[in-house]
Amino acid sequence: ISNMIEDIMEKNSSESYFIQICDFVSFFVHLYFKIEI
């Protein structure tokens, strides 16, 4: 991997709309996986 810069950084999900979006999509993918796959 050559294009990733810096170490992975962390942020509390309560302070990030975008981590909350990841949580949202991830949970719907989980539901889809359960019912379809």
PDB file of all heavy atoms in Angstrom:
ATOM      1  N   ILE A   1       0.863  -1.183   0.000  1.00  0.00           N
ATOM      2  CA  ILE A   1       0.000   0.000   0.000  1.00  0.00           C
ATOM      3  C   ILE A   1       0.899   1.232   0.000  1.00  0.00           C
ATOM      4  O   ILE A   1       1.786   1.364   0.843  1.00  0.00           O
ATOM      5  CB  ILE A   1      -0.905   0.000   1.255  1.00  0.00           C
ATOM      6  CG1 ILE A   1      -1.845  -1.215   1.253  1.00  0.00           C
ATOM      7  CG2 ILE A   1      -1.686   1.298   1.376  1.00  0.00           C
ATOM      8  CD1 ILE A   1      -2.835  -1.278   0.120  1.00  0.00           C
ATOM      9  N   SER A   2       0.684   2.141  -0.961  1.00  0.00           N
ATOM     10  CA  SER A   2       1.606   3.278  -1.076  1.00  0.00           C
ATOM     11  C   SER A   2       0.926   4.646  -0.978  1.00  0.00           C
ATOM     12  O   SER A   2       1.605   5.660  -0.828  1.00  0.00           O
ATOM     13  CB  SER A   2       2.380   3.189  -2.399  1.00  0.00           C
ATOM     14  OG  SER A   2       1.469   3.208  -3.486  1.00  0.00           O
ATOM     15  N   ASN A   3      -0.405   4.685  -1.077  1.00  0.00           N
ATOM     16  CA  ASN A   3      -1.079   5.993  -1.118  1.00  0.00           C
ATOM     17  C   ASN A   3      -1.729   6.399   0.195  1.00  0.00           C
ATOM     18  O   ASN A   3      -2.323   7.479   0.284  1.00  0.00           O
ATOM     19  CB  ASN A   3      -2.129   6.013  -2.240  1.00  0.00           C
ATOM     20  CG  ASN A   3      -1.479   6.184  -3.600  1.00  0.00           C
ATOM     21  OD1 ASN A   3      -0.265   6.222  -3.698  1.00  0.00           O
ATOM     22  ND2 ASN A   3      -2.265   6.268  -4.637  1.00  0.00           N
ATOM     23  N   MET A   4      -1.658   5.537   1.208  1.00  0.00           N
ATOM     24  CA  MET A   4      -2.198   5.891   2.518  1.00  0.00           C
ATOM     25  C   MET A   4      -1.169   6.737   3.256  1.00  0.00           C
ATOM     26  O   MET A   4      -0.005   6.349   3.364  1.00  0.00           O
ATOM     27  CB  MET A   4      -2.525   4.622   3.321  1.00  0.00           C
ATOM     28  CG  MET A   4      -3.083   4.910   4.701  1.00  0.00           C
ATOM     29  SD  MET A   4      -3.711   3.406   5.504  1.00  0.00           S
ATOM     30  CE  MET A   4      -2.309   2.308   5.331  1.00  0.00           C
ATOM     31  N   ILE A   5      -1.597   7.903   3.752  1.00  0.00           N
ATOM     32  CA  ILE A   5      -0.671   8.776   4.463  1.00  0.00           C
ATOM     33  C   ILE A   5      -0.974   8.740   5.964  1.00  0.00           C
ATOM     34  O   ILE A   5      -2.124   8.598   6.361  1.00  0.00           O
ATOM     35  CB  ILE A   5      -0.706  10.229   3.919  1.00  0.00           C
ATOM     36  CG1 ILE A   5      -2.141  10.783   3.879  1.00  0.00           C
ATOM     37  CG2 ILE A   5      -0.085  10.299   2.540  1.00  0.00           C
ATOM     38  CD1 ILE A   5      -2.233  12.236   3.460  1.00  0.00           C
ATOM     39  N   GLU A   6       0.057   8.844   6.769  1.00  0.00           N
ATOM     40  CA  GLU A   6      -0.035   8.861   8.226  1.00  0.00           C
ATOM     41  C   GLU A   6      -0.535   7.526   8.775  1.00  0.00           C
ATOM     42  O   GLU A   6      -0.943   6.636   8.046  1.00  0.00           O
ATOM     43  CB  GLU A   6      -0.965   9.998   8.705  1.00  0.00           C
ATOM     44  CG  GLU A   6      -0.258  11.177   9.338  1.00  0.00           C
ATOM     45  CD  GLU A   6       0.472  10.860  10.636  1.00  0.00           C
ATOM     46  OE1 GLU A   6       0.412   9.733  11.141  1.00  0.00           O
ATOM     47  OE2 GLU A   6       1.126  11.778  11.156  1.00  0.00           O
ATOM     48  N   ASP A   7      -0.473   7.383  10.104  1.00  0.00           N
ATOM     49  CA  ASP A   7      -1.090   6.263  10.785  1.00  0.00           C
ATOM     50  C   ASP A   7      -2.601   6.447  10.773  1.00  0.00           C
ATOM     51  O   ASP A   7      -3.099   7.576  10.648  1.00  0.00           O
ATOM     52  CB  ASP A   7      -0.633   6.232  12.259  1.00  0.00           C
ATOM     53  CG  ASP A   7       0.635   5.398  12.452  1.00  0.00           C
ATOM     54  OD1 ASP A   7       0.860   4.463  11.641  1.00  0.00           O
ATOM     55  OD2 ASP A   7       1.383   5.668  13.400  1.00  0.00           O
ATOM     56  N   ILE A   8      -3.326   5.345  10.952  1.00  0.00           N
ATOM     57  CA  ILE A   8      -4.781   5.452  11.130  1.00  0.00           C
ATOM     58  C   ILE A   8      -5.039   6.252  12.405  1.00  0.00           C
ATOM     59  O   ILE A   8      -4.397   6.053  13.431  1.00  0.00           O
ATOM     60  CB  ILE A   8      -5.414   4.049  11.219  1.00  0.00           C
ATOM     61  CG1 ILE A   8      -5.309   3.356   9.854  1.00  0.00           C
ATOM     62  CG2 ILE A   8      -6.870   4.141  11.662  1.00  0.00           C
ATOM     63  CD1 ILE A   8      -5.903   1.964   9.804  1.00  0.00           C
ATOM     64  N   MET A   9      -5.987   7.179  12.321  1.00  0.00           N
ATOM     65  CA  MET A   9      -6.328   8.019  13.468  1.00  0.00           C
ATOM     66  C   MET A   9      -7.727   7.668  13.959  1.00  0.00           C
ATOM     67  O   MET A   9      -8.529   7.122  13.205  1.00  0.00           O
ATOM     68  CB  MET A   9      -6.232   9.491  13.082  1.00  0.00           C
ATOM     69  CG  MET A   9      -4.792   9.912  12.833  1.00  0.00           C
ATOM     70  SD  MET A   9      -4.640  11.626  12.345  1.00  0.00           S
ATOM     71  CE  MET A   9      -4.897  11.474  10.595  1.00  0.00           C
ATOM     72  N   GLU A  10      -8.011   7.967  15.220  1.00  0.00           N
ATOM     73  CA  GLU A  10      -9.326   7.634  15.755  1.00  0.00           C
ATOM     74  C   GLU A  10     -10.078   8.887  16.189  1.00  0.00           C
ATOM     75  O   GLU A  10      -9.481   9.900  16.539  1.00  0.00           O
ATOM     76  CB  GLU A  10      -9.218   6.629  16.908  1.00  0.00           C
ATOM     77  CG  GLU A  10      -8.496   7.114  18.124  1.00  0.00           C
ATOM     78  CD  GLU A  10      -8.458   6.070  19.239  1.00  0.00           C
ATOM     79  OE1 GLU A  10      -9.121   5.019  19.133  1.00  0.00           O
ATOM     80  OE2 GLU A  10      -7.741   6.320  20.230  1.00  0.00           O
ATOM     81  N   LYS A  11     -11.401   8.756  16.140  1.00  0.00           N
ATOM     82  CA  LYS A  11     -12.283   9.851  16.556  1.00  0.00           C
ATOM     83  C   LYS A  11     -13.547   9.232  17.128  1.00  0.00           C
ATOM     84  O   LYS A  11     -14.032   8.220  16.606  1.00  0.00           O
ATOM     85  CB  LYS A  11     -12.617  10.731  15.342  1.00  0.00           C
ATOM     86  CG  LYS A  11     -13.408  11.979  15.700  1.00  0.00           C
ATOM     87  CD  LYS A  11     -13.483  12.963  14.547  1.00  0.00           C
ATOM     88  CE  LYS A  11     -14.157  14.250  15.007  1.00  0.00           C
ATOM     89  NZ  LYS A  11     -14.230  15.242  13.941  1.00  0.00           N
ATOM     90  N   ASN A  12     -14.084   9.827  18.166  1.00  0.00           N
ATOM     91  CA  ASN A  12     -15.312   9.318  18.755  1.00  0.00           C
ATOM     92  C   ASN A  12     -16.456   9.473  17.751  1.00  0.00           C
ATOM     93  O   ASN A  12     -16.658  10.550  17.186  1.00  0.00           O
ATOM     94  CB  ASN A  12     -15.629  10.091  20.040  1.00  0.00           C
ATOM     95  CG  ASN A  12     -16.734   9.436  20.838  1.00  0.00           C
ATOM     96  OD1 ASN A  12     -17.830   9.222  20.338  1.00  0.00           O
ATOM     97  ND2 ASN A  12     -16.440   9.104  22.080  1.00  0.00           N
ATOM     98  N   SER A  13     -17.199   8.391  17.532  1.00  0.00           N
ATOM     99  CA  SER A  13     -18.275   8.417  16.532  1.00  0.00           C
ATOM    100  C   SER A  13     -19.324   9.483  16.831  1.00  0.00           C
ATOM    101  O   SER A  13     -19.954  10.016  15.912  1.00  0.00           O
ATOM    102  CB  SER A  13     -18.950   7.046  16.445  1.00  0.00           C
ATOM    103  OG  SER A  13     -19.479   6.667  17.703  1.00  0.00           O
ATOM    104  N   SER A  14     -19.517   9.819  18.117  1.00  0.00           N
ATOM    105  CA  SER A  14     -20.518  10.831  18.473  1.00  0.00           C
ATOM    106  C   SER A  14     -20.127  12.208  17.951  1.00  0.00           C
ATOM    107  O   SER A  14     -20.962  13.108  17.858  1.00  0.00           O
ATOM    108  CB  SER A  14     -20.711  10.885  19.990  1.00  0.00           C
ATOM    109  OG  SER A  14     -19.534  11.346  20.625  1.00  0.00           O
ATOM    110  N   GLU A  15     -18.852  12.381  17.595  1.00  0.00           N
ATOM    111  CA  GLU A  15     -18.362  13.672  17.107  1.00  0.00           C
ATOM    112  C   GLU A  15     -18.105  13.676  15.603  1.00  0.00           C
ATOM    113  O   GLU A  15     -17.486  14.601  15.080  1.00  0.00           O
ATOM    114  CB  GLU A  15     -17.080  14.043  17.860  1.00  0.00           C
ATOM    115  CG  GLU A  15     -17.316  14.245  19.354  1.00  0.00           C
ATOM    116  CD  GLU A  15     -16.031  14.472  20.118  1.00  0.00           C
ATOM    117  OE1 GLU A  15     -14.944  14.457  19.499  1.00  0.00           O
ATOM    118  OE2 GLU A  15     -16.118  14.657  21.340  1.00  0.00           O
ATOM    119  N   SER A  16     -18.565  12.636  14.905  1.00  0.00           N
ATOM    120  CA  SER A  16     -18.300  12.562  13.467  1.00  0.00           C
ATOM    121  C   SER A  16     -19.533  12.081  12.705  1.00  0.00           C
ATOM    122  O   SER A  16     -19.943  10.929  12.836  1.00  0.00           O
ATOM    123  CB  SER A  16     -17.137  11.605  13.182  1.00  0.00           C
ATOM    124  OG  SER A  16     -17.017  11.389  11.786  1.00  0.00           O
ATOM    125  N   TYR A  17     -20.116  12.965  11.907  1.00  0.00           N
ATOM    126  CA  TYR A  17     -21.225  12.565  11.048  1.00  0.00           C
ATOM    127  C   TYR A  17     -20.814  11.406  10.134  1.00  0.00           C
ATOM    128  O   TYR A  17     -21.621  10.525   9.835  1.00  0.00           O
ATOM    129  CB  TYR A  17     -21.663  13.729  10.159  1.00  0.00           C
ATOM    130  CG  TYR A  17     -22.433  14.827  10.849  1.00  0.00           C
ATOM    131  CD1 TYR A  17     -22.358  16.136  10.387  1.00  0.00           C
ATOM    132  CD2 TYR A  17     -23.270  14.564  11.939  1.00  0.00           C
ATOM    133  CE1 TYR A  17     -23.081  17.164  10.981  1.00  0.00           C
ATOM    134  CE2 TYR A  17     -23.997  15.586  12.539  1.00  0.00           C
ATOM    135  CZ  TYR A  17     -23.893  16.887  12.064  1.00  0.00           C
ATOM    136  OH  TYR A  17     -24.611  17.897  12.648  1.00  0.00           O
ATOM    137  N   PHE A  18     -19.557  11.434   9.674  1.00  0.00           N
ATOM    138  CA  PHE A  18     -19.145  10.474   8.652  1.00  0.00           C
ATOM    139  C   PHE A  18     -18.926   9.075   9.226  1.00  0.00           C
ATOM    140  O   PHE A  18     -19.217   8.080   8.552  1.00  0.00           O
ATOM    141  CB  PHE A  18     -17.925  11.003   7.906  1.00  0.00           C
ATOM    142  CG  PHE A  18     -18.199  12.317   7.220  1.00  0.00           C
ATOM    143  CD1 PHE A  18     -17.532  13.472   7.587  1.00  0.00           C
ATOM    144  CD2 PHE A  18     -19.172  12.403   6.239  1.00  0.00           C
ATOM    145  CE1 PHE A  18     -17.816  14.688   6.985  1.00  0.00           C
ATOM    146  CE2 PHE A  18     -19.468  13.609   5.621  1.00  0.00           C
ATOM    147  CZ  PHE A  18     -18.788  14.757   5.990  1.00  0.00           C
ATOM    148  N   ILE A  19     -18.454   8.981  10.460  1.00  0.00           N
ATOM    149  CA  ILE A  19     -18.387   7.668  11.111  1.00  0.00           C
ATOM    150  C   ILE A  19     -19.805   7.155  11.348  1.00  0.00           C
ATOM    151  O   ILE A  19     -20.085   5.961  11.194  1.00  0.00           O
ATOM    152  CB  ILE A  19     -17.569   7.731  12.420  1.00  0.00           C
ATOM    153  CG1 ILE A  19     -16.098   8.010  12.089  1.00  0.00           C
ATOM    154  CG2 ILE A  19     -17.677   6.413  13.206  1.00  0.00           C
ATOM    155  CD1 ILE A  19     -15.212   8.221  13.310  1.00  0.00           C
ATOM    156  N   GLN A  20     -20.728   8.055  11.680  1.00  0.00           N
ATOM    157  CA  GLN A  20     -22.127   7.652  11.868  1.00  0.00           C
ATOM    158  C   GLN A  20     -22.748   7.164  10.550  1.00  0.00           C
ATOM    159  O   GLN A  20     -23.567   6.247  10.551  1.00  0.00           O
ATOM    160  CB  GLN A  20     -22.938   8.816  12.445  1.00  0.00           C
ATOM    161  CG  GLN A  20     -22.571   9.145  13.885  1.00  0.00           C
ATOM    162  CD  GLN A  20     -23.230  10.418  14.390  1.00  0.00           C
ATOM    163  OE1 GLN A  20     -24.404  10.661  14.141  1.00  0.00           O
ATOM    164  NE2 GLN A  20     -22.461  11.240  15.098  1.00  0.00           N
ATOM    165  N   ILE A  21     -22.334   7.748   9.435  1.00  0.00           N
ATOM    166  CA  ILE A  21     -22.808   7.258   8.132  1.00  0.00           C
ATOM    167  C   ILE A  21     -22.262   5.854   7.873  1.00  0.00           C
ATOM    168  O   ILE A  21     -22.994   4.976   7.394  1.00  0.00           O
ATOM    169  CB  ILE A  21     -22.409   8.223   6.994  1.00  0.00           C
ATOM    170  CG1 ILE A  21     -23.178   9.539   7.119  1.00  0.00           C
ATOM    171  CG2 ILE A  21     -22.670   7.588   5.618  1.00  0.00           C
ATOM    172  CD1 ILE A  21     -22.714  10.619   6.150  1.00  0.00           C
ATOM    173  N   CYS A  22     -20.988   5.630   8.190  1.00  0.00           N
ATOM    174  CA  CYS A  22     -20.423   4.279   8.058  1.00  0.00           C
ATOM    175  C   CYS A  22     -21.221   3.278   8.888  1.00  0.00           C
ATOM    176  O   CYS A  22     -21.527   2.172   8.437  1.00  0.00           O
ATOM    177  CB  CYS A  22     -18.962   4.253   8.500  1.00  0.00           C
ATOM    178  SG  CYS A  22     -17.818   5.072   7.385  1.00  0.00           S
ATOM    179  N   ASP A  23     -21.551   3.671  10.113  1.00  0.00           N
ATOM    180  CA  ASP A  23     -22.349   2.822  10.997  1.00  0.00           C
ATOM    181  C   ASP A  23     -23.707   2.521  10.359  1.00  0.00           C
ATOM    182  O   ASP A  23     -24.181   1.377  10.368  1.00  0.00           O
ATOM    183  CB  ASP A  23     -22.533   3.527  12.345  1.00  0.00           C
ATOM    184  CG  ASP A  23     -23.563   2.860  13.237  1.00  0.00           C
ATOM    185  OD1 ASP A  23     -23.206   1.887  13.931  1.00  0.00           O
ATOM    186  OD2 ASP A  23     -24.735   3.295  13.235  1.00  0.00           O
ATOM    187  N   PHE A  24     -24.334   3.533   9.793  1.00  0.00           N
ATOM    188  CA  PHE A  24     -25.645   3.409   9.142  1.00  0.00           C
ATOM    189  C   PHE A  24     -25.581   2.414   7.978  1.00  0.00           C
ATOM    190  O   PHE A  24     -26.365   1.462   7.899  1.00  0.00           O
ATOM    191  CB  PHE A  24     -26.075   4.794   8.652  1.00  0.00           C
ATOM    192  CG  PHE A  24     -27.392   4.849   7.933  1.00  0.00           C
ATOM    193  CD1 PHE A  24     -28.557   5.132   8.629  1.00  0.00           C
ATOM    194  CD2 PHE A  24     -27.469   4.648   6.561  1.00  0.00           C
ATOM    195  CE1 PHE A  24     -29.784   5.203   7.974  1.00  0.00           C
ATOM    196  CE2 PHE A  24     -28.687   4.708   5.900  1.00  0.00           C
ATOM    197  CZ  PHE A  24     -29.849   4.986   6.603  1.00  0.00           C
ATOM    198  N   VAL A  25     -24.639   2.636   7.073  1.00  0.00           N
ATOM    199  CA  VAL A  25     -24.517   1.765   5.891  1.00  0.00           C
ATOM    200  C   VAL A  25     -24.146   0.348   6.323  1.00  0.00           C
ATOM    201  O   VAL A  25     -24.710  -0.636   5.832  1.00  0.00           O
ATOM    202  CB  VAL A  25     -23.479   2.332   4.899  1.00  0.00           C
ATOM    203  CG1 VAL A  25     -23.248   1.360   3.744  1.00  0.00           C
ATOM    204  CG2 VAL A  25     -23.930   3.694   4.372  1.00  0.00           C
ATOM    205  N   SER A  26     -23.216   0.253   7.255  1.00  0.00           N
ATOM    206  CA  SER A  26     -22.757  -1.054   7.732  1.00  0.00           C
ATOM    207  C   SER A  26     -23.911  -1.873   8.300  1.00  0.00           C
ATOM    208  O   SER A  26     -24.030  -3.071   8.047  1.00  0.00           O
ATOM    209  CB  SER A  26     -21.671  -0.845   8.795  1.00  0.00           C
ATOM    210  OG  SER A  26     -21.068  -2.060   9.144  1.00  0.00           O
ATOM    211  N   PHE A  27     -24.801  -1.213   9.058  1.00  0.00           N
ATOM    212  CA  PHE A  27     -25.914  -1.945   9.656  1.00  0.00           C
ATOM    213  C   PHE A  27     -26.902  -2.406   8.590  1.00  0.00           C
ATOM    214  O   PHE A  27     -27.430  -3.522   8.664  1.00  0.00           O
ATOM    215  CB  PHE A  27     -26.628  -1.108  10.728  1.00  0.00           C
ATOM    216  CG  PHE A  27     -27.581  -1.924  11.554  1.00  0.00           C
ATOM    217  CD1 PHE A  27     -27.104  -2.893  12.432  1.00  0.00           C
ATOM    218  CD2 PHE A  27     -28.955  -1.755  11.444  1.00  0.00           C
ATOM    219  CE1 PHE A  27     -27.983  -3.679  13.178  1.00  0.00           C
ATOM    220  CE2 PHE A  27     -29.836  -2.524  12.189  1.00  0.00           C
ATOM    221  CZ  PHE A  27     -29.351  -3.495  13.062  1.00  0.00           C
ATOM    222  N   PHE A  28     -27.128  -1.592   7.562  1.00  0.00           N
ATOM    223  CA  PHE A  28     -28.030  -2.027   6.497  1.00  0.00           C
ATOM    224  C   PHE A  28     -27.406  -3.134   5.642  1.00  0.00           C
ATOM    225  O   PHE A  28     -28.122  -4.031   5.169  1.00  0.00           O
ATOM    226  CB  PHE A  28     -28.498  -0.836   5.652  1.00  0.00           C
ATOM    227  CG  PHE A  28     -29.746  -0.227   6.223  1.00  0.00           C
ATOM    228  CD1 PHE A  28     -29.672   0.827   7.129  1.00  0.00           C
ATOM    229  CD2 PHE A  28     -30.996  -0.742   5.909  1.00  0.00           C
ATOM    230  CE1 PHE A  28     -30.820   1.356   7.696  1.00  0.00           C
ATOM    231  CE2 PHE A  28     -32.154  -0.211   6.468  1.00  0.00           C
ATOM    232  CZ  PHE A  28     -32.070   0.840   7.369  1.00  0.00           C
ATOM    233  N   VAL A  29     -26.099  -3.103   5.466  1.00  0.00           N
ATOM    234  CA  VAL A  29     -25.423  -4.210   4.780  1.00  0.00           C
ATOM    235  C   VAL A  29     -25.567  -5.493   5.602  1.00  0.00           C
ATOM    236  O   VAL A  29     -25.808  -6.573   5.061  1.00  0.00           O
ATOM    237  CB  VAL A  29     -23.938  -3.869   4.520  1.00  0.00           C
ATOM    238  CG1 VAL A  29     -23.151  -5.098   4.065  1.00  0.00           C
ATOM    239  CG2 VAL A  29     -23.826  -2.759   3.470  1.00  0.00           C
ATOM    240  N   HIS A  30     -25.439  -5.369   6.915  1.00  0.00           N
ATOM    241  CA  HIS A  30     -25.645  -6.507   7.826  1.00  0.00           C
ATOM    242  C   HIS A  30     -27.056  -7.082   7.643  1.00  0.00           C
ATOM    243  O   HIS A  30     -27.228  -8.300   7.518  1.00  0.00           O
ATOM    244  CB  HIS A  30     -25.419  -6.026   9.263  1.00  0.00           C
ATOM    245  CG  HIS A  30     -26.147  -6.783  10.324  1.00  0.00           C
ATOM    246  ND1 HIS A  30     -25.811  -8.065  10.703  1.00  0.00           N
ATOM    247  CD2 HIS A  30     -27.217  -6.427  11.095  1.00  0.00           C
ATOM    248  CE1 HIS A  30     -26.646  -8.469  11.658  1.00  0.00           C
ATOM    249  NE2 HIS A  30     -27.497  -7.498  11.911  1.00  0.00           N
ATOM    250  N   LEU A  31     -28.072  -6.214   7.602  1.00  0.00           N
ATOM    251  CA  LEU A  31     -29.451  -6.685   7.431  1.00  0.00           C
ATOM    252  C   LEU A  31     -29.636  -7.344   6.063  1.00  0.00           C
ATOM    253  O   LEU A  31     -30.275  -8.401   5.940  1.00  0.00           O
ATOM    254  CB  LEU A  31     -30.433  -5.521   7.588  1.00  0.00           C
ATOM    255  CG  LEU A  31     -30.475  -4.848   8.973  1.00  0.00           C
ATOM    256  CD1 LEU A  31     -31.433  -3.654   8.947  1.00  0.00           C
ATOM    257  CD2 LEU A  31     -30.882  -5.826  10.077  1.00  0.00           C
ATOM    258  N   TYR A  32     -29.049  -6.738   5.037  1.00  0.00           N
ATOM    259  CA  TYR A  32     -29.140  -7.306   3.681  1.00  0.00           C
ATOM    260  C   TYR A  32     -28.468  -8.677   3.628  1.00  0.00           C
ATOM    261  O   TYR A  32     -29.007  -9.623   3.034  1.00  0.00           O
ATOM    262  CB  TYR A  32     -28.488  -6.349   2.671  1.00  0.00           C
ATOM    263  CG  TYR A  32     -28.481  -6.890   1.263  1.00  0.00           C
ATOM    264  CD1 TYR A  32     -29.609  -6.778   0.450  1.00  0.00           C
ATOM    265  CD2 TYR A  32     -27.359  -7.539   0.765  1.00  0.00           C
ATOM    266  CE1 TYR A  32     -29.605  -7.297  -0.838  1.00  0.00           C
ATOM    267  CE2 TYR A  32     -27.350  -8.060  -0.524  1.00  0.00           C
ATOM    268  CZ  TYR A  32     -28.476  -7.944  -1.317  1.00  0.00           C
ATOM    269  OH  TYR A  32     -28.478  -8.473  -2.588  1.00  0.00           O
ATOM    270  N   PHE A  33     -27.309  -8.794   4.235  1.00  0.00           N
ATOM    271  CA  PHE A  33     -26.575 -10.068   4.273  1.00  0.00           C
ATOM    272  C   PHE A  33     -27.430 -11.151   4.938  1.00  0.00           C
ATOM    273  O   PHE A  33     -27.505 -12.292   4.457  1.00  0.00           O
ATOM    274  CB  PHE A  33     -25.263  -9.868   5.037  1.00  0.00           C
ATOM    275  CG  PHE A  33     -24.403 -11.104   5.134  1.00  0.00           C
ATOM    276  CD1 PHE A  33     -23.691 -11.570   4.031  1.00  0.00           C
ATOM    277  CD2 PHE A  33     -24.286 -11.801   6.325  1.00  0.00           C
ATOM    278  CE1 PHE A  33     -22.898 -12.703   4.115  1.00  0.00           C
ATOM    279  CE2 PHE A  33     -23.484 -12.933   6.424  1.00  0.00           C
ATOM    280  CZ  PHE A  33     -22.794 -13.387   5.316  1.00  0.00           C
ATOM    281  N   LYS A  34     -28.096 -10.782   6.020  1.00  0.00           N
ATOM    282  CA  LYS A  34     -28.945 -11.748   6.734  1.00  0.00           C
ATOM    283  C   LYS A  34     -30.106 -12.237   5.863  1.00  0.00           C
ATOM    284  O   LYS A  34     -30.336 -13.438   5.749  1.00  0.00           O
ATOM    285  CB  LYS A  34     -29.505 -11.124   8.018  1.00  0.00           C
ATOM    286  CG  LYS A  34     -28.561 -11.137   9.192  1.00  0.00           C
ATOM    287  CD  LYS A  34     -29.199 -10.563  10.442  1.00  0.00           C
ATOM    288  CE  LYS A  34     -30.089 -11.577  11.149  1.00  0.00           C
ATOM    289  NZ  LYS A  34     -29.332 -12.654  11.815  1.00  0.00           N
ATOM    290  N   ILE A  35     -30.813 -11.298   5.236  1.00  0.00           N
ATOM    291  CA  ILE A  35     -32.040 -11.693   4.538  1.00  0.00           C
ATOM    292  C   ILE A  35     -31.790 -12.248   3.138  1.00  0.00           C
ATOM    293  O   ILE A  35     -32.498 -13.150   2.692  1.00  0.00           O
ATOM    294  CB  ILE A  35     -33.056 -10.529   4.470  1.00  0.00           C
ATOM    295  CG1 ILE A  35     -32.506  -9.340   3.660  1.00  0.00           C
ATOM    296  CG2 ILE A  35     -33.487 -10.108   5.863  1.00  0.00           C
ATOM    297  CD1 ILE A  35     -33.516  -8.220   3.407  1.00  0.00           C
ATOM    298  N   GLU A  36     -30.761 -11.743   2.442  1.00  0.00           N
ATOM    299  CA  GLU A  36     -30.557 -12.145   1.052  1.00  0.00           C
ATOM    300  C   GLU A  36     -29.528 -13.257   0.888  1.00  0.00           C
ATOM    301  O   GLU A  36     -29.691 -14.110   0.025  1.00  0.00           O
ATOM    302  CB  GLU A  36     -30.123 -10.934   0.216  1.00  0.00           C
ATOM    303  CG  GLU A  36     -31.261 -10.025  -0.170  1.00  0.00           C
ATOM    304  CD  GLU A  36     -32.301 -10.708  -1.039  1.00  0.00           C
ATOM    305  OE1 GLU A  36     -31.967 -11.179  -2.147  1.00  0.00           O
ATOM    306  OE2 GLU A  36     -33.457 -10.779  -0.598  1.00  0.00           O
ATOM    307  N   ILE A  37     -28.469 -13.213   1.672  1.00  0.00           N
ATOM    308  CA  ILE A  37     -27.402 -14.199   1.499  1.00  0.00           C
ATOM    309  C   ILE A  37     -27.580 -15.360   2.478  1.00  0.00           C
ATOM    310  O   ILE A  37     -27.473 -16.518   2.104  1.00  0.00           O
ATOM    311  CB  ILE A  37     -26.016 -13.528   1.626  1.00  0.00           C
ATOM    312  CG1 ILE A  37     -25.871 -12.515   0.480  1.00  0.00           C
ATOM    313  CG2 ILE A  37     -24.886 -14.562   1.587  1.00  0.00           C
ATOM    314  CD1 ILE A  37     -24.691 -11.618   0.529  1.00  0.00           C
TER     315      ILE A  37
END
